[in-house]
């Protein structure tokens, strides 16, 4: 004759025969095990018990969590004469971990939402998105304030027949993206053959220098004694 064990979520009872079970408060959700089962199962899964199961659901037992049968392992263990242990604290630990994960997710949502609100408030002071004209204006303001960062002088030079003057064949390149300059000041620097600076002179090139352009210029400048080489750089300009 089969011997049945029942579990109420906290305590294990049994063994009982089928007549004993009829006297117990057994319903469809009652956890039952008998030799031959690999794990606990509900009473309504056992054919011989279905005829007398109490269809009413018993009231909750204290503050205990509802009993869930433990998951089956990949390899079913061999049946033993003792029913498998039910460990309620495993269920409580699993529920506790789920609560912690839920709290973390909610906290992240709140933080991200707060950052988004602050960003939108800051953006609403002007426009929510910076327009193309505003971006161009910002770049232009930077370029207009720093002409020497975008104007570069290059070229070559040669002495005249008598060696008293230099003919400078220069070019000024404007690498700015939007800023236009005018009246670039070019500084000519004289060096000896030992690279010692001998003197310098400033000359203004009265031209307009659009963005992404190259503008040629010509200068005739004085030659000095002991001058071996000369060099020139743009030291100033006016934003147009």
Protein backbone atom coordinates (compact mmCIF):
# COMPACT_ATOMS: atom_id res chain seq x y z
CA UNK A 1 0.00 0.00 0.00
CA UNK A 2 1.29 3.46 -0.89
CA UNK A 3 2.42 5.72 1.91
CA UNK A 4 1.94 9.44 1.35
CA UNK A 5 3.76 12.41 2.84
CA UNK A 6 2.28 15.91 2.87
CA UNK A 7 3.91 19.31 3.37
CA UNK A 8 2.15 22.48 4.51
CA UNK A 9 4.98 24.86 3.54
CA UNK A 10 6.64 24.62 6.94
CA UNK A 11 6.33 21.09 8.30
CA UNK A 12 6.42 17.67 6.72
CA UNK A 13 3.83 15.09 7.90
CA UNK A 14 3.37 11.39 7.23
CA UNK A 15 3.46 8.69 6.21
CA UNK A 16 -0.27 8.31 5.66
CA UNK A 17 -2.34 5.82 3.72
CA UNK A 18 -5.13 7.04 1.47
CA UNK A 19 -7.78 6.64 4.23
CA UNK A 20 -5.69 8.86 6.53
CA UNK A 21 -5.50 11.52 3.82
CA UNK A 22 -9.28 11.64 3.59
CA UNK A 23 -9.37 12.75 7.23
CA UNK A 24 -6.77 15.46 6.60
CA UNK A 25 -7.46 18.91 5.18
CA UNK A 26 -6.10 18.01 1.74
CA UNK A 27 -6.91 20.14 -1.27
CA UNK A 28 -5.70 20.39 -4.86
CA UNK A 29 -2.73 22.61 -3.91
CA UNK A 30 -1.46 20.38 -1.07
CA UNK A 31 2.14 19.23 -1.71
CA UNK A 32 2.32 15.42 -1.68
CA UNK A 33 5.08 12.89 -2.22
CA UNK A 34 5.20 9.09 -2.21
CA UNK A 35 7.90 6.61 -3.09
CA UNK A 36 8.29 6.54 -6.85
CA UNK A 37 8.00 10.33 -7.38
CA UNK A 38 11.19 12.27 -8.08
CA UNK A 39 9.88 15.42 -6.39
CA UNK A 40 6.92 16.93 -4.59
CA UNK A 41 3.74 17.46 -6.61
CA UNK A 42 0.26 18.89 -6.05
CA UNK A 43 -2.50 16.54 -4.87
CA UNK A 44 -4.61 17.15 -7.98
CA UNK A 45 -1.86 15.49 -10.06
CA UNK A 46 -2.47 12.15 -8.29
CA UNK A 47 -5.35 10.19 -9.82
CA UNK A 48 -6.32 8.20 -6.73
CA UNK A 49 -6.76 11.39 -4.69
CA UNK A 50 -8.90 13.38 -7.09
CA UNK A 51 -12.15 11.79 -5.90
CA UNK A 52 -12.10 13.31 -2.43
CA UNK A 53 -9.96 16.46 -2.75
CA UNK A 54 -11.31 19.51 -0.98
CA UNK A 55 -11.85 22.12 -3.68
CA UNK A 56 -11.80 24.97 -1.19
CA UNK A 57 -8.51 26.78 -0.76
CA UNK A 58 -7.27 26.85 2.87
CA UNK A 59 -6.55 30.25 4.47
CA UNK A 60 -2.93 31.58 4.35
CA UNK A 61 -0.64 30.05 6.93
CA UNK A 62 0.64 33.04 8.97
CA UNK A 63 2.97 35.28 6.92
CA UNK A 64 4.58 32.39 5.04
CA UNK A 65 5.17 32.70 1.34
CA UNK A 66 3.10 30.28 -0.85
CA UNK A 67 4.95 27.02 -1.36
CA UNK A 68 6.49 26.45 -4.77
CA UNK A 69 7.94 23.01 -5.52
CA UNK A 70 11.74 23.07 -6.08
CA UNK A 71 12.84 22.94 -9.74
CA UNK A 72 13.73 19.59 -11.24
CA UNK A 73 17.41 19.03 -11.90
CA UNK A 74 18.65 18.13 -15.37
CA UNK A 75 19.16 14.53 -14.24
CA UNK A 76 16.33 13.13 -12.16
CA UNK A 77 17.64 11.60 -8.92
CA UNK A 78 16.79 8.04 -8.06
CA UNK A 79 13.71 7.61 -5.87
CA UNK A 80 14.45 7.19 -2.19
CA UNK A 81 12.35 6.03 0.73
CA UNK A 82 12.46 9.50 2.30
CA UNK A 83 10.74 12.49 0.67
CA UNK A 84 13.03 15.30 -0.58
CA UNK A 85 13.55 18.20 1.76
CA UNK A 86 11.68 21.47 1.14
CA UNK A 87 13.74 24.48 2.24
CA UNK A 88 11.49 27.55 2.55
CA UNK A 89 14.44 29.88 3.11
CA UNK A 90 15.60 29.23 -0.49
CA UNK A 91 12.32 30.69 -1.72
CA UNK A 92 12.65 33.67 0.62
CA UNK A 93 16.21 34.31 -0.52
CA UNK A 94 15.13 34.22 -4.20
CA UNK A 95 12.28 36.65 -3.50
CA UNK A 96 14.65 38.95 -1.59
CA UNK A 97 17.10 39.04 -4.52
CA UNK A 98 14.26 39.90 -6.89
CA UNK A 99 13.22 42.79 -4.64
CA UNK A 100 16.79 44.14 -4.55
CA UNK A 101 17.05 44.01 -8.36
CA UNK A 102 13.69 45.78 -8.68
CA UNK A 103 14.80 48.54 -6.28
CA UNK A 104 18.05 49.06 -8.23
CA UNK A 105 16.20 49.29 -11.57
CA UNK A 106 13.70 51.81 -10.15
CA UNK A 107 16.54 53.91 -8.67
CA UNK A 108 18.35 54.00 -12.03
CA UNK A 109 15.17 55.08 -13.80
CA UNK A 110 14.68 57.90 -11.28
CA UNK A 111 18.31 59.09 -11.65
CA UNK A 112 18.20 59.02 -15.46
CA UNK A 113 14.85 60.80 -15.46
CA UNK A 114 16.22 63.50 -13.14
CA UNK A 115 19.25 64.09 -15.38
CA UNK A 116 16.99 64.35 -18.44
CA UNK A 117 14.75 66.90 -16.67
CA UNK A 118 17.74 69.06 -15.64
CA UNK A 119 19.16 68.92 -19.17
CA UNK A 120 15.83 69.95 -20.69
CA UNK A 121 15.48 72.84 -18.24
CA UNK A 122 18.94 74.10 -19.18
CA UNK A 123 18.14 73.80 -22.86
CA UNK A 124 14.82 75.60 -22.49
CA UNK A 125 16.59 78.83 -21.45
CA UNK A 126 17.34 79.34 -25.11
CA UNK A 127 16.51 76.84 -27.78
CA UNK A 128 16.10 73.13 -27.14
CA UNK A 129 18.58 72.39 -29.90
CA UNK A 130 21.32 74.74 -31.02
CA UNK A 131 20.56 76.02 -34.51
CA UNK A 132 23.03 75.94 -37.37
CA UNK A 133 23.25 79.75 -37.32
CA UNK A 134 24.17 79.71 -33.61
CA UNK A 135 26.91 77.16 -34.20
CA UNK A 136 28.32 79.19 -37.09
CA UNK A 137 28.19 82.37 -35.01
CA UNK A 138 30.11 80.69 -32.20
CA UNK A 139 32.84 79.49 -34.56
CA UNK A 140 33.01 82.90 -36.23
CA UNK A 141 33.37 84.68 -32.91
CA UNK A 142 36.32 82.46 -32.02
CA UNK A 143 37.98 82.98 -35.40
CA UNK A 144 37.41 86.74 -35.41
CA UNK A 145 39.08 87.08 -32.02
CA UNK A 146 42.22 85.13 -33.04
CA UNK A 147 43.27 86.19 -36.57
CA UNK A 148 46.90 85.13 -36.17
CA UNK A 149 45.77 81.55 -35.49
CA UNK A 150 44.26 81.37 -38.97
CA UNK A 151 46.46 83.69 -41.11
CA UNK A 152 49.80 82.24 -42.23
CA UNK A 153 52.43 83.93 -44.40
CA UNK A 154 54.70 82.10 -46.83
CA UNK A 155 56.60 82.76 -50.07
CA UNK A 156 60.15 83.59 -51.25
CA UNK A 157 62.42 86.57 -51.75
CA UNK A 158 65.50 87.73 -53.71
CA UNK A 159 67.98 90.64 -53.63
CA UNK A 160 67.90 93.35 -56.26
CA UNK A 161 70.77 93.89 -58.66
CA UNK A 162 72.67 96.18 -56.31
CA UNK A 163 71.97 94.16 -53.16
CA UNK A 164 70.40 97.11 -51.41
CA UNK A 165 66.83 95.78 -51.26
CA UNK A 166 64.87 92.56 -51.03
CA UNK A 167 61.95 91.72 -53.29
CA UNK A 168 59.47 89.69 -51.22
CA UNK A 169 57.00 87.53 -53.11
CA UNK A 170 54.61 86.43 -50.37
CA UNK A 171 51.26 84.74 -49.93
CA UNK A 172 48.88 84.93 -46.98
CA UNK A 173 46.59 81.94 -46.40
CA UNK A 174 43.40 82.18 -44.39
CA UNK A 175 42.47 78.76 -42.92
CA UNK A 176 39.40 80.02 -41.02
CA UNK A 177 36.07 78.40 -41.83
CA UNK A 178 33.83 81.49 -41.74
CA UNK A 179 35.83 84.54 -40.67
CA UNK A 180 37.11 87.12 -43.15
CA UNK A 181 40.06 89.39 -42.27
CA UNK A 182 41.61 92.52 -43.74
CA UNK A 183 44.71 94.72 -43.38
CA UNK A 184 47.09 91.97 -42.27
CA UNK A 185 50.25 93.22 -40.53
CA UNK A 186 53.34 91.29 -41.70
CA UNK A 187 56.52 91.46 -39.62
CA UNK A 188 59.79 91.08 -41.55
CA UNK A 189 62.63 89.79 -39.37
CA UNK A 190 66.33 90.00 -40.38
CA UNK A 191 68.84 87.34 -39.30
CA UNK A 192 72.62 87.07 -39.53
CA UNK A 193 74.36 83.96 -40.83
CA UNK A 194 74.61 82.82 -37.18
CA UNK A 195 70.78 83.07 -36.88
CA UNK A 196 71.04 86.14 -34.67
CA UNK A 197 68.09 88.49 -34.94
CA UNK A 198 69.32 91.82 -36.29
CA UNK A 199 66.14 93.85 -36.77
CA UNK A 200 62.45 93.67 -37.72
CA UNK A 201 60.01 95.88 -39.62
CA UNK A 202 56.19 95.77 -39.83
CA UNK A 203 54.26 96.21 -43.07
CA UNK A 204 50.49 96.32 -43.55
CA UNK A 205 49.01 94.41 -46.49
CA UNK A 206 45.81 96.25 -47.36
CA UNK A 207 43.86 93.34 -48.76
CA UNK A 208 40.81 91.30 -47.79
CA UNK A 209 41.38 87.67 -46.85
CA UNK A 210 38.22 85.51 -47.19
CA UNK A 211 38.01 82.10 -45.45
CA UNK A 212 39.86 79.25 -47.18
CA UNK A 213 41.74 81.63 -49.45
CA UNK A 214 45.31 82.45 -50.51
CA UNK A 215 46.25 86.07 -51.30
CA UNK A 216 49.56 87.08 -52.89
CA UNK A 217 51.45 90.24 -51.97
CA UNK A 218 54.67 91.96 -53.04
CA UNK A 219 57.07 94.01 -50.88
CA UNK A 220 60.29 95.86 -51.60
CA UNK A 221 62.16 96.20 -48.33
CA UNK A 222 65.52 97.58 -47.23
CA UNK A 223 68.55 95.30 -47.00
CA UNK A 224 71.01 95.75 -44.16
CA UNK A 225 74.63 94.98 -43.52
CA UNK A 226 75.36 91.45 -42.27
CA UNK A 227 71.86 90.25 -43.16
CA UNK A 228 71.95 86.62 -44.32
CA UNK A 229 68.25 85.64 -44.31
CA UNK A 230 64.85 87.16 -43.68
CA UNK A 231 61.56 85.71 -42.50
CA UNK A 232 58.00 87.05 -42.21
CA UNK A 233 54.88 86.30 -40.18
CA UNK A 234 51.39 87.73 -39.80
CA UNK A 235 51.24 89.37 -36.36
CA UNK A 236 47.83 91.05 -36.58
CA UNK A 237 44.75 91.62 -38.74
CA UNK A 238 41.29 93.09 -38.50
CA UNK A 239 38.19 90.95 -38.63
CA UNK A 240 36.05 92.14 -41.52
